[in-house]
Amino acid sequence: MDERRQTTVIAVGNQKGGVGKTTTTINLAAALGALGKQSLIIDLDGNRGATRSLGVPPESYRGTYEVLLGDEDPVAVALETDAEEGIELPPGVALIPASRDLERVDGELIKVHRLTDYRDCLRRPIEKLVATGRWDYVFLDTAPNINTPTAAAYRVAEWFILTATPERLAIEGLNDAMSDIDTVRRYNNPDLKLLGVALSCVNRRTLLAKRILGWVEETFAEAGEFGDFKTRISTSVAVPEAQDSGKSVFQTEPDHKVTEEYRQLAREFLERLDIAEGMRNPKASKKGRGVLKKPRSRRKGVAHGKAA
């Protein structure tokens, strides 16, 4: 009998695009998979970045749009590696894909939730996913703006990872996102906590990057529970090349320096969650989640049942 897993829900984002949000989500999940963990990525961005970067045709499968409207069970539409379908995800990673339909989901949600708050549209799907015990982590890959799917992610997540590149506009996006997290904590989700700030595309040889890194370390040292992640992801052509091929760097360049950096980020991620669990439940933390040991058709247009 398969072991039931305790699921942790993590939103990943920034109020600016092009700051490594999706790249961090995919490669962190892949790194966790290499360490024996099971992760589900939910693509909440109408740009379908996670879906395309994992080599899944974004308009071919039911996914986030149908789940948000309550038309599909989230477990039923979660994609895993399937040779017959031509899907090759990183080991330990599953995906609920996005489609362009997300661009009109706000208006559709208002119609569906006339008597309830439509920004709670992720609450029931997340409850169903957690109840299965199939995944250690559910990553919510959010859009770089506060649309309804992003607002819904803030409401259901336990932790938030902010991502940025060492550029001025990306760092300004961190401040906006921190403000949003504080607002959500006050009014909607008091349990939401900042797990850390993850920096990618770091070139330590430039003076600008060094100045921005210093500012981030000083500004976010006391942010959230742990401050910024100490692991930095270097600039490397290996990352965009992997994305262009629809894969993670763990599939295309397993021995690359940047791949090892993602492994280290995953270890730091696990260590932080283990510390947090220890503070909340000292007895349960003795095992420590950071202790590492070395269906039906979902394509659109195919008959498929409605969620219960």
C-alpha atoms as a PDB file:
ATOM      1  CA  MET A   1       0.000   0.000   0.000  1.00  0.00           C
ATOM      2  CA  ASP A   2       1.363   3.428  -0.958  1.00  0.00           C
ATOM      3  CA  GLU A   3       2.402   5.750   1.837  1.00  0.00           C
ATOM      4  CA  ARG A   4       0.072   8.690   2.408  1.00  0.00           C
ATOM      5  CA  ARG A   5       1.933  11.963   2.212  1.00  0.00           C
ATOM      6  CA  GLN A   6       1.436  15.133   4.215  1.00  0.00           C
ATOM      7  CA  THR A   7       0.828  17.809   1.601  1.00  0.00           C
ATOM      8  CA  THR A   8       2.181  21.345   1.869  1.00  0.00           C
ATOM      9  CA  VAL A   9       0.770  24.041  -0.438  1.00  0.00           C
ATOM     10  CA  ILE A  10       3.243  26.669  -1.691  1.00  0.00           C
ATOM     11  CA  ALA A  11       2.507  29.637  -3.940  1.00  0.00           C
ATOM     12  CA  VAL A  12       5.350  31.016  -6.068  1.00  0.00           C
ATOM     13  CA  GLY A  13       5.293  34.503  -7.529  1.00  0.00           C
ATOM     14  CA  ASN A  14       6.271  38.137  -7.923  1.00  0.00           C
ATOM     15  CA  GLN A  15       4.318  41.163  -9.171  1.00  0.00           C
ATOM     16  CA  LYS A  16       6.515  41.282 -12.287  1.00  0.00           C
ATOM     17  CA  GLY A  17       6.982  38.841 -15.138  1.00  0.00           C
ATOM     18  CA  GLY A  18      10.277  37.411 -16.348  1.00  0.00           C
ATOM     19  CA  VAL A  19      11.806  37.003 -12.888  1.00  0.00           C
ATOM     20  CA  GLY A  20      12.350  33.244 -12.784  1.00  0.00           C
ATOM     21  CA  LYS A  21       9.005  32.366 -11.191  1.00  0.00           C
ATOM     22  CA  THR A  22       8.102  29.438 -13.432  1.00  0.00           C
ATOM     23  CA  THR A  23      11.719  28.351 -13.884  1.00  0.00           C
ATOM     24  CA  THR A  24      12.168  28.200 -10.114  1.00  0.00           C
ATOM     25  CA  THR A  25       8.900  26.285  -9.664  1.00  0.00           C
ATOM     26  CA  ILE A  26       9.737  23.635 -12.268  1.00  0.00           C
ATOM     27  CA  ASN A  27      13.352  23.048 -11.305  1.00  0.00           C
ATOM     28  CA  LEU A  28      12.706  23.142  -7.568  1.00  0.00           C
ATOM     29  CA  ALA A  29       9.985  20.513  -8.044  1.00  0.00           C
ATOM     30  CA  ALA A  30      12.367  18.464 -10.215  1.00  0.00           C
ATOM     31  CA  ALA A  31      15.102  18.744  -7.571  1.00  0.00           C
ATOM     32  CA  LEU A  32      12.658  17.543  -4.914  1.00  0.00           C
ATOM     33  CA  GLY A  33      11.704  14.660  -7.192  1.00  0.00           C
ATOM     34  CA  ALA A  34      15.364  13.646  -7.383  1.00  0.00           C
ATOM     35  CA  LEU A  35      15.328  13.574  -3.575  1.00  0.00           C
ATOM     36  CA  GLY A  36      12.354  11.230  -3.459  1.00  0.00           C
ATOM     37  CA  LYS A  37       9.569  13.781  -3.030  1.00  0.00           C
ATOM     38  CA  GLN A  38       6.341  14.013  -5.034  1.00  0.00           C
ATOM     39  CA  SER A  39       5.219  17.435  -6.282  1.00  0.00           C
ATOM     40  CA  LEU A  40       2.219  18.735  -8.211  1.00  0.00           C
ATOM     41  CA  ILE A  41       2.508  22.003 -10.135  1.00  0.00           C
ATOM     42  CA  ILE A  42      -0.729  23.897 -10.833  1.00  0.00           C
ATOM     43  CA  ASP A  43      -0.234  26.368 -13.677  1.00  0.00           C
ATOM     44  CA  LEU A  44      -2.374  29.414 -12.791  1.00  0.00           C
ATOM     45  CA  ASP A  45      -0.850  31.757 -15.377  1.00  0.00           C
ATOM     46  CA  GLY A  46      -2.702  32.511 -18.613  1.00  0.00           C
ATOM     47  CA  ASN A  47       0.694  32.647 -20.333  1.00  0.00           C
ATOM     48  CA  ARG A  48       0.923  28.886 -19.686  1.00  0.00           C
ATOM     49  CA  GLY A  49       4.613  29.111 -18.804  1.00  0.00           C
ATOM     50  CA  ALA A  50       4.848  25.986 -16.653  1.00  0.00           C
ATOM     51  CA  THR A  51       2.743  23.986 -19.101  1.00  0.00           C
ATOM     52  CA  ARG A  52       4.850  24.894 -22.125  1.00  0.00           C
ATOM     53  CA  SER A  53       8.158  24.640 -20.262  1.00  0.00           C
ATOM     54  CA  LEU A  54       7.288  21.054 -19.341  1.00  0.00           C
ATOM     55  CA  GLY A  55       6.559  20.180 -22.968  1.00  0.00           C
ATOM     56  CA  VAL A  56       2.773  19.841 -22.593  1.00  0.00           C
ATOM     57  CA  PRO A  57       0.644  21.273 -25.442  1.00  0.00           C
ATOM     58  CA  PRO A  58      -1.291  23.966 -23.524  1.00  0.00           C
ATOM     59  CA  GLU A  59      -4.553  23.723 -25.460  1.00  0.00           C
ATOM     60  CA  SER A  60      -4.781  19.926 -25.557  1.00  0.00           C
ATOM     61  CA  TYR A  61      -5.784  19.003 -22.015  1.00  0.00           C
ATOM     62  CA  ARG A  62      -8.375  19.957 -19.477  1.00  0.00           C
ATOM     63  CA  GLY A  63      -6.720  21.657 -16.559  1.00  0.00           C
ATOM     64  CA  THR A  64      -6.712  24.737 -14.373  1.00  0.00           C
ATOM     65  CA  TYR A  65      -9.575  26.540 -16.099  1.00  0.00           C
ATOM     66  CA  GLU A  66     -11.979  23.637 -15.684  1.00  0.00           C
ATOM     67  CA  VAL A  67     -10.819  22.988 -12.107  1.00  0.00           C
ATOM     68  CA  LEU A  68     -11.389  26.612 -11.055  1.00  0.00           C
ATOM     69  CA  LEU A  69     -14.925  26.527 -12.481  1.00  0.00           C
ATOM     70  CA  GLY A  70     -15.668  23.253 -10.717  1.00  0.00           C
ATOM     71  CA  ASP A  71     -16.145  21.374 -14.000  1.00  0.00           C
ATOM     72  CA  GLU A  72     -13.320  18.899 -13.393  1.00  0.00           C
ATOM     73  CA  ASP A  73     -11.860  17.024 -10.434  1.00  0.00           C
ATOM     74  CA  PRO A  74      -8.262  18.278  -9.931  1.00  0.00           C
ATOM     75  CA  VAL A  75      -6.970  14.764  -9.309  1.00  0.00           C
ATOM     76  CA  ALA A  76      -8.454  13.502 -12.589  1.00  0.00           C
ATOM     77  CA  VAL A  77      -6.780  16.168 -14.736  1.00  0.00           C
ATOM     78  CA  ALA A  78      -3.335  16.014 -13.109  1.00  0.00           C
ATOM     79  CA  LEU A  79      -0.886  14.902 -15.799  1.00  0.00           C
ATOM     80  CA  GLU A  80       2.023  12.568 -15.165  1.00  0.00           C
ATOM     81  CA  THR A  81       4.623  11.053 -17.474  1.00  0.00           C
ATOM     82  CA  ASP A  82       2.771   9.107 -20.146  1.00  0.00           C
ATOM     83  CA  ALA A  83       4.709   7.652 -23.068  1.00  0.00           C
ATOM     84  CA  GLU A  84       1.564   7.028 -25.122  1.00  0.00           C
ATOM     85  CA  GLU A  85       0.534  10.680 -24.759  1.00  0.00           C
ATOM     86  CA  GLY A  86       4.088  11.891 -25.406  1.00  0.00           C
ATOM     87  CA  ILE A  87       4.341  13.474 -21.939  1.00  0.00           C
ATOM     88  CA  GLU A  88       7.727  13.250 -20.216  1.00  0.00           C
ATOM     89  CA  LEU A  89       7.732  15.150 -16.931  1.00  0.00           C
ATOM     90  CA  PRO A  90      10.612  15.141 -14.438  1.00  0.00           C
ATOM     91  CA  PRO A  91      10.505  12.159 -12.053  1.00  0.00           C
ATOM     92  CA  GLY A  92       8.292  12.944  -9.065  1.00  0.00           C
ATOM     93  CA  VAL A  93       6.511  15.833 -10.810  1.00  0.00           C
ATOM     94  CA  ALA A  94       2.872  16.070 -11.936  1.00  0.00           C
ATOM     95  CA  LEU A  95       1.131  19.008 -13.614  1.00  0.00           C
ATOM     96  CA  ILE A  96      -2.332  20.528 -13.879  1.00  0.00           C
ATOM     97  CA  PRO A  97      -1.891  22.435 -17.148  1.00  0.00           C
ATOM     98  CA  ALA A  98      -3.132  25.879 -18.123  1.00  0.00           C
ATOM     99  CA  SER A  99      -4.792  27.037 -21.320  1.00  0.00           C
ATOM    100  CA  ARG A 100      -5.675  30.378 -22.891  1.00  0.00           C
ATOM    101  CA  ASP A 101      -9.154  29.970 -21.412  1.00  0.00           C
ATOM    102  CA  LEU A 102      -7.682  31.344 -18.180  1.00  0.00           C
ATOM    103  CA  GLU A 103      -7.744  34.791 -19.805  1.00  0.00           C
ATOM    104  CA  ARG A 104     -11.545  34.828 -19.420  1.00  0.00           C
ATOM    105  CA  VAL A 105     -11.862  32.878 -16.188  1.00  0.00           C
ATOM    106  CA  ASP A 106     -12.609  35.934 -14.011  1.00  0.00           C
ATOM    107  CA  GLY A 107     -15.908  36.666 -15.731  1.00  0.00           C
ATOM    108  CA  GLU A 108     -16.900  32.999 -15.743  1.00  0.00           C
ATOM    109  CA  LEU A 109     -16.153  32.656 -12.031  1.00  0.00           C
ATOM    110  CA  ILE A 110     -18.361  35.635 -11.186  1.00  0.00           C
ATOM    111  CA  LYS A 111     -21.256  33.890 -12.950  1.00  0.00           C
ATOM    112  CA  VAL A 112     -20.649  30.576 -11.180  1.00  0.00           C
ATOM    113  CA  HIS A 113     -20.162  32.091  -7.714  1.00  0.00           C
ATOM    114  CA  ARG A 114     -23.025  34.558  -7.639  1.00  0.00           C
ATOM    115  CA  LEU A 115     -23.740  33.869  -3.963  1.00  0.00           C
ATOM    116  CA  THR A 116     -20.211  33.090  -2.780  1.00  0.00           C
ATOM    117  CA  ASP A 117     -16.764  34.671  -2.995  1.00  0.00           C
ATOM    118  CA  TYR A 118     -15.358  33.611  -6.376  1.00  0.00           C
ATOM    119  CA  ARG A 119     -11.808  34.205  -5.105  1.00  0.00           C
ATOM    120  CA  ASP A 120     -12.207  31.066  -3.002  1.00  0.00           C
ATOM    121  CA  CYS A 121     -12.348  28.976  -6.190  1.00  0.00           C
ATOM    122  CA  LEU A 122      -9.175  27.062  -5.281  1.00  0.00           C
ATOM    123  CA  ARG A 123     -10.219  26.092  -1.771  1.00  0.00           C
ATOM    124  CA  ARG A 124     -12.237  22.984  -2.656  1.00  0.00           C
ATOM    125  CA  PRO A 125      -9.767  21.734  -5.311  1.00  0.00           C
ATOM    126  CA  ILE A 126      -6.875  22.052  -2.865  1.00  0.00           C
ATOM    127  CA  GLU A 127      -8.841  20.177  -0.207  1.00  0.00           C
ATOM    128  CA  LYS A 128      -9.404  17.341  -2.693  1.00  0.00           C
ATOM    129  CA  LEU A 129      -5.737  17.213  -3.667  1.00  0.00           C
ATOM    130  CA  VAL A 130      -4.534  17.216  -0.054  1.00  0.00           C
ATOM    131  CA  ALA A 131      -7.058  14.491   0.854  1.00  0.00           C
ATOM    132  CA  THR A 132      -5.487  12.065  -1.644  1.00  0.00           C
ATOM    133  CA  GLY A 133      -2.134  12.046   0.172  1.00  0.00           C
ATOM    134  CA  ARG A 134      -0.407  11.593  -3.205  1.00  0.00           C
ATOM    135  CA  TRP A 135       1.871  14.628  -3.141  1.00  0.00           C
ATOM    136  CA  ASP A 136       4.325  16.084  -0.648  1.00  0.00           C
ATOM    137  CA  TYR A 137       4.042  19.539  -2.212  1.00  0.00           C
ATOM    138  CA  VAL A 138       1.546  21.409  -4.349  1.00  0.00           C
ATOM    139  CA  PHE A 139       3.169  24.379  -6.092  1.00  0.00           C
ATOM    140  CA  LEU A 140       0.857  27.162  -7.287  1.00  0.00           C
ATOM    141  CA  ASP A 141       2.605  28.885 -10.205  1.00  0.00           C
ATOM    142  CA  THR A 142       0.904  32.292 -10.178  1.00  0.00           C
ATOM    143  CA  ALA A 143       0.557  35.042 -12.775  1.00  0.00           C
ATOM    144  CA  PRO A 144       2.558  38.293 -12.414  1.00  0.00           C
ATOM    145  CA  ASN A 145      -0.601  40.225 -11.530  1.00  0.00           C
ATOM    146  CA  ILE A 146      -3.414  39.955  -9.010  1.00  0.00           C
ATOM    147  CA  ASN A 147      -6.054  38.321 -11.170  1.00  0.00           C
ATOM    148  CA  THR A 148      -8.560  35.885  -9.671  1.00  0.00           C
ATOM    149  CA  PRO A 149      -6.403  32.709  -9.899  1.00  0.00           C
ATOM    150  CA  THR A 150      -3.498  34.543  -8.241  1.00  0.00           C
ATOM    151  CA  ALA A 151      -5.729  35.976  -5.503  1.00  0.00           C
ATOM    152  CA  ALA A 152      -7.152  32.478  -4.969  1.00  0.00           C
ATOM    153  CA  ALA A 153      -3.615  31.095  -4.577  1.00  0.00           C
ATOM    154  CA  TYR A 154      -2.824  33.622  -1.840  1.00  0.00           C
ATOM    155  CA  ARG A 155      -5.920  32.470   0.034  1.00  0.00           C
ATOM    156  CA  VAL A 156      -5.134  28.749   0.088  1.00  0.00           C
ATOM    157  CA  ALA A 157      -1.324  28.619   0.294  1.00  0.00           C
ATOM    158  CA  GLU A 158       0.495  27.826   3.522  1.00  0.00           C
ATOM    159  CA  TRP A 159       3.774  29.268   2.264  1.00  0.00           C
ATOM    160  CA  PHE A 160       4.859  31.761  -0.375  1.00  0.00           C
ATOM    161  CA  ILE A 161       8.153  31.793  -2.260  1.00  0.00           C
ATOM    162  CA  LEU A 162       9.027  35.115  -3.861  1.00  0.00           C
ATOM    163  CA  THR A 163      11.274  34.966  -6.909  1.00  0.00           C
ATOM    164  CA  ALA A 164      13.424  37.660  -8.455  1.00  0.00           C
ATOM    165  CA  THR A 165      16.370  38.348 -10.704  1.00  0.00           C
ATOM    166  CA  PRO A 166      19.032  40.912  -9.737  1.00  0.00           C
ATOM    167  CA  GLU A 167      17.295  43.772 -11.594  1.00  0.00           C
ATOM    168  CA  ARG A 168      15.666  46.911 -10.234  1.00  0.00           C
ATOM    169  CA  LEU A 169      12.141  46.258 -11.541  1.00  0.00           C
ATOM    170  CA  ALA A 170      12.182  42.676 -10.299  1.00  0.00           C
ATOM    171  CA  ILE A 171      13.182  43.820  -6.837  1.00  0.00           C
ATOM    172  CA  GLU A 172      10.425  46.453  -6.842  1.00  0.00           C
ATOM    173  CA  GLY A 173       8.003  43.624  -7.612  1.00  0.00           C
ATOM    174  CA  LEU A 174       9.143  41.940  -4.390  1.00  0.00           C
ATOM    175  CA  ASN A 175       7.995  44.937  -2.364  1.00  0.00           C
ATOM    176  CA  ASP A 176       4.562  44.860  -4.015  1.00  0.00           C
ATOM    177  CA  ALA A 177       4.233  41.125  -3.407  1.00  0.00           C
ATOM    178  CA  MET A 178       5.268  41.507   0.251  1.00  0.00           C
ATOM    179  CA  SER A 179       2.538  44.123   0.662  1.00  0.00           C
ATOM    180  CA  ASP A 180       0.002  41.753  -0.916  1.00  0.00           C
ATOM    181  CA  ILE A 181       1.041  38.942   1.432  1.00  0.00           C
ATOM    182  CA  ASP A 182       0.572  41.219   4.442  1.00  0.00           C
ATOM    183  CA  THR A 183      -2.896  42.231   3.221  1.00  0.00           C
ATOM    184  CA  VAL A 184      -3.963  38.625   2.686  1.00  0.00           C
ATOM    185  CA  ARG A 185      -2.665  37.651   6.126  1.00  0.00           C
ATOM    186  CA  ARG A 186      -4.782  40.383   7.730  1.00  0.00           C
ATOM    187  CA  TYR A 187      -8.028  39.711   5.900  1.00  0.00           C
ATOM    188  CA  ASN A 188      -8.149  36.266   4.268  1.00  0.00           C
ATOM    189  CA  ASN A 189      -5.401  33.811   5.187  1.00  0.00           C
ATOM    190  CA  PRO A 190      -3.667  34.418   8.521  1.00  0.00           C
ATOM    191  CA  ASP A 191      -1.690  31.176   8.055  1.00  0.00           C
ATOM    192  CA  LEU A 192       0.136  32.387   4.929  1.00  0.00           C
ATOM    193  CA  LYS A 193       3.870  32.728   5.593  1.00  0.00           C
ATOM    194  CA  LEU A 194       6.875  33.746   3.502  1.00  0.00           C
ATOM    195  CA  LEU A 195       9.267  30.810   3.096  1.00  0.00           C
ATOM    196  CA  GLY A 196      11.950  32.865   1.374  1.00  0.00           C
ATOM    197  CA  VAL A 197      13.119  34.938  -1.579  1.00  0.00           C
ATOM    198  CA  ALA A 198      14.759  32.905  -4.353  1.00  0.00           C
ATOM    199  CA  LEU A 199      17.129  34.743  -6.688  1.00  0.00           C
ATOM    200  CA  SER A 200      17.990  33.380 -10.129  1.00  0.00           C
ATOM    201  CA  CYS A 201      19.936  34.570 -13.202  1.00  0.00           C
ATOM    202  CA  VAL A 202      22.650  35.784 -10.851  1.00  0.00           C
ATOM    203  CA  ASN A 203      25.915  36.933 -12.410  1.00  0.00           C
ATOM    204  CA  ARG A 204      28.207  37.623  -9.465  1.00  0.00           C
ATOM    205  CA  ARG A 205      30.788  39.278 -11.695  1.00  0.00           C
ATOM    206  CA  THR A 206      28.774  42.451 -12.358  1.00  0.00           C
ATOM    207  CA  LEU A 207      28.805  45.381  -9.941  1.00  0.00           C
ATOM    208  CA  LEU A 208      25.052  45.916 -10.380  1.00  0.00           C
ATOM    209  CA  ALA A 209      24.250  42.332  -9.397  1.00  0.00           C
ATOM    210  CA  LYS A 210      26.528  42.582  -6.368  1.00  0.00           C
ATOM    211  CA  ARG A 211      24.806  45.795  -5.222  1.00  0.00           C
ATOM    212  CA  ILE A 212      21.332  44.328  -5.664  1.00  0.00           C
ATOM    213  CA  LEU A 213      22.287  41.093  -3.917  1.00  0.00           C
ATOM    214  CA  GLY A 214      23.593  43.101  -0.991  1.00  0.00           C
ATOM    215  CA  TRP A 215      20.371  45.110  -0.851  1.00  0.00           C
ATOM    216  CA  VAL A 216      18.224  41.948  -0.969  1.00  0.00           C
ATOM    217  CA  GLU A 217      20.244  40.317   1.800  1.00  0.00           C
ATOM    218  CA  GLU A 218      19.892  43.402   3.978  1.00  0.00           C
ATOM    219  CA  THR A 219      16.232  44.124   3.196  1.00  0.00           C
ATOM    220  CA  PHE A 220      14.874  40.576   3.396  1.00  0.00           C
ATOM    221  CA  ALA A 221      17.129  39.176   6.115  1.00  0.00           C
ATOM    222  CA  GLU A 222      14.230  39.370   8.582  1.00  0.00           C
ATOM    223  CA  ALA A 223      11.398  38.857   6.072  1.00  0.00           C
ATOM    224  CA  GLY A 224       8.996  36.033   6.774  1.00  0.00           C
ATOM    225  CA  GLU A 225      10.164  33.127   8.880  1.00  0.00           C
ATOM    226  CA  PHE A 226      13.658  32.716   7.418  1.00  0.00           C
ATOM    227  CA  GLY A 227      14.624  35.628   5.160  1.00  0.00           C
ATOM    228  CA  ASP A 228      16.028  35.146   1.657  1.00  0.00           C
ATOM    229  CA  PHE A 229      17.288  31.770   0.446  1.00  0.00           C
ATOM    230  CA  LYS A 230      21.079  31.613   0.711  1.00  0.00           C
ATOM    231  CA  THR A 231      21.328  29.518  -2.449  1.00  0.00           C
ATOM    232  CA  ARG A 232      21.645  31.657  -5.589  1.00  0.00           C
ATOM    233  CA  ILE A 233      20.885  30.309  -9.058  1.00  0.00           C
ATOM    234  CA  SER A 234      23.508  31.424 -11.555  1.00  0.00           C
ATOM    235  CA  THR A 235      22.910  32.722 -15.049  1.00  0.00           C
ATOM    236  CA  SER A 236      23.247  29.839 -17.497  1.00  0.00           C
ATOM    237  CA  VAL A 237      22.131  29.048 -21.034  1.00  0.00           C
ATOM    238  CA  ALA A 238      21.347  25.537 -19.772  1.00  0.00           C
ATOM    239  CA  VAL A 239      18.091  26.824 -18.220  1.00  0.00           C
ATOM    240  CA  PRO A 240      16.458  28.425 -21.311  1.00  0.00           C
ATOM    241  CA  GLU A 241      17.731  25.576 -23.472  1.00  0.00           C
ATOM    242  CA  ALA A 242      15.972  23.089 -21.186  1.00  0.00           C
ATOM    243  CA  GLN A 243      12.775  25.146 -21.304  1.00  0.00           C
ATOM    244  CA  ASP A 244      12.909  25.316 -25.100  1.00  0.00           C
ATOM    245  CA  SER A 245      13.029  21.521 -25.175  1.00  0.00           C
ATOM    246  CA  GLY A 246      10.112  21.253 -22.748  1.00  0.00           C
ATOM    247  CA  LYS A 247      12.181  19.797 -19.922  1.00  0.00           C
ATOM    248  CA  SER A 248      13.838  20.661 -16.617  1.00  0.00           C
ATOM    249  CA  VAL A 249      17.617  21.020 -16.315  1.00  0.00           C
ATOM    250  CA  PHE A 250      17.557  17.756 -14.363  1.00  0.00           C
ATOM    251  CA  GLN A 251      16.485  16.007 -17.558  1.00  0.00           C
ATOM    252  CA  THR A 252      18.821  17.827 -19.960  1.00  0.00           C
ATOM    253  CA  GLU A 253      21.898  18.718 -17.871  1.00  0.00           C
ATOM    254  CA  PRO A 254      21.899  16.605 -14.684  1.00  0.00           C
ATOM    255  CA  ASP A 255      25.573  17.312 -13.924  1.00  0.00           C
ATOM    256  CA  HIS A 256      25.558  21.046 -14.699  1.00  0.00           C
ATOM    257  CA  LYS A 257      26.549  23.619 -12.080  1.00  0.00           C
ATOM    258  CA  VAL A 258      23.116  25.281 -12.171  1.00  0.00           C
ATOM    259  CA  THR A 259      21.444  21.892 -11.669  1.00  0.00           C
ATOM    260  CA  GLU A 260      23.489  21.397  -8.503  1.00  0.00           C
ATOM    261  CA  GLU A 261      22.394  24.851  -7.353  1.00  0.00           C
ATOM    262  CA  TYR A 262      18.754  23.795  -7.693  1.00  0.00           C
ATOM    263  CA  ARG A 263      19.580  20.662  -5.678  1.00  0.00           C
ATOM    264  CA  GLN A 264      21.023  22.870  -2.968  1.00  0.00           C
ATOM    265  CA  LEU A 265      17.954  25.134  -3.092  1.00  0.00           C
ATOM    266  CA  ALA A 266      15.771  22.047  -2.612  1.00  0.00           C
ATOM    267  CA  ARG A 267      17.799  21.007   0.435  1.00  0.00           C
ATOM    268  CA  GLU A 268      17.451  24.502   1.888  1.00  0.00           C
ATOM    269  CA  PHE A 269      13.708  24.410   1.126  1.00  0.00           C
ATOM    270  CA  LEU A 270      13.338  21.086   2.979  1.00  0.00           C
ATOM    271  CA  GLU A 271      15.405  22.301   5.904  1.00  0.00           C
ATOM    272  CA  ARG A 272      13.215  25.381   6.338  1.00  0.00           C
ATOM    273  CA  LEU A 273      10.004  23.365   6.251  1.00  0.00           C
ATOM    274  CA  ASP A 274      11.488  20.893   8.726  1.00  0.00           C
ATOM    275  CA  ILE A 275      12.390  23.719  11.113  1.00  0.00           C
ATOM    276  CA  ALA A 276       8.903  25.198  10.764  1.00  0.00           C
ATOM    277  CA  GLU A 277       7.307  21.812  11.458  1.00  0.00           C
ATOM    278  CA  GLY A 278       9.561  21.402  14.480  1.00  0.00           C
ATOM    279  CA  MET A 279       8.421  24.735  15.916  1.00  0.00           C
ATOM    280  CA  ARG A 280       4.780  23.794  15.335  1.00  0.00           C
ATOM    281  CA  ASN A 281       4.975  20.150  16.381  1.00  0.00           C
ATOM    282  CA  PRO A 282       8.256  19.143  18.112  1.00  0.00           C
ATOM    283  CA  LYS A 283       7.368  15.419  18.306  1.00  0.00           C
ATOM    284  CA  ALA A 284       6.490  15.126  14.616  1.00  0.00           C
ATOM    285  CA  SER A 285       9.692  16.888  13.575  1.00  0.00           C
ATOM    286  CA  LYS A 286      11.919  14.128  14.932  1.00  0.00           C
ATOM    287  CA  LYS A 287      11.459  12.194  11.688  1.00  0.00           C
ATOM    288  CA  GLY A 288      11.915  15.398   9.689  1.00  0.00           C
ATOM    289  CA  ARG A 289      10.731  15.860   6.148  1.00  0.00           C
ATOM    290  CA  GLY A 290      14.222  17.154   5.381  1.00  0.00           C
ATOM    291  CA  VAL A 291      15.882  13.791   6.100  1.00  0.00           C
ATOM    292  CA  LEU A 292      16.897  12.684   2.594  1.00  0.00           C
ATOM    293  CA  LYS A 293      17.309   9.106   1.403  1.00  0.00           C
ATOM    294  CA  LYS A 294      19.648   8.377  -1.446  1.00  0.00           C
ATOM    295  CA  PRO A 295      -6.879   6.699 -16.445  1.00  0.00           C
ATOM    296  CA  ARG A 296      -9.288   8.351 -18.216  1.00  0.00           C
ATOM    297  CA  SER A 297      -8.441  10.586 -21.252  1.00  0.00           C
ATOM    298  CA  ARG A 298      -7.826  14.185 -20.239  1.00  0.00           C
ATOM    299  CA  ARG A 299      -7.623  15.621 -23.736  1.00  0.00           C
ATOM    300  CA  LYS A 300     -10.151  18.261 -24.724  1.00  0.00           C
ATOM    301  CA  GLY A 301     -12.940  17.044 -26.933  1.00  0.00           C
ATOM    302  CA  VAL A 302     -12.934  13.574 -25.349  1.00  0.00           C
ATOM    303  CA  ALA A 303     -15.927  12.551 -23.227  1.00  0.00           C
ATOM    304  CA  HIS A 304     -15.077  13.175 -19.624  1.00  0.00           C
ATOM    305  CA  GLY A 305     -17.155  13.257 -16.467  1.00  0.00           C
ATOM    306  CA  LYS A 306     -17.873  16.320 -14.445  1.00  0.00           C
ATOM    307  CA  ALA A 307     -16.384  16.751 -11.001  1.00  0.00           C
ATOM    308  CA  ALA A 308     -18.424  15.514  -8.114  1.00  0.00           C
END
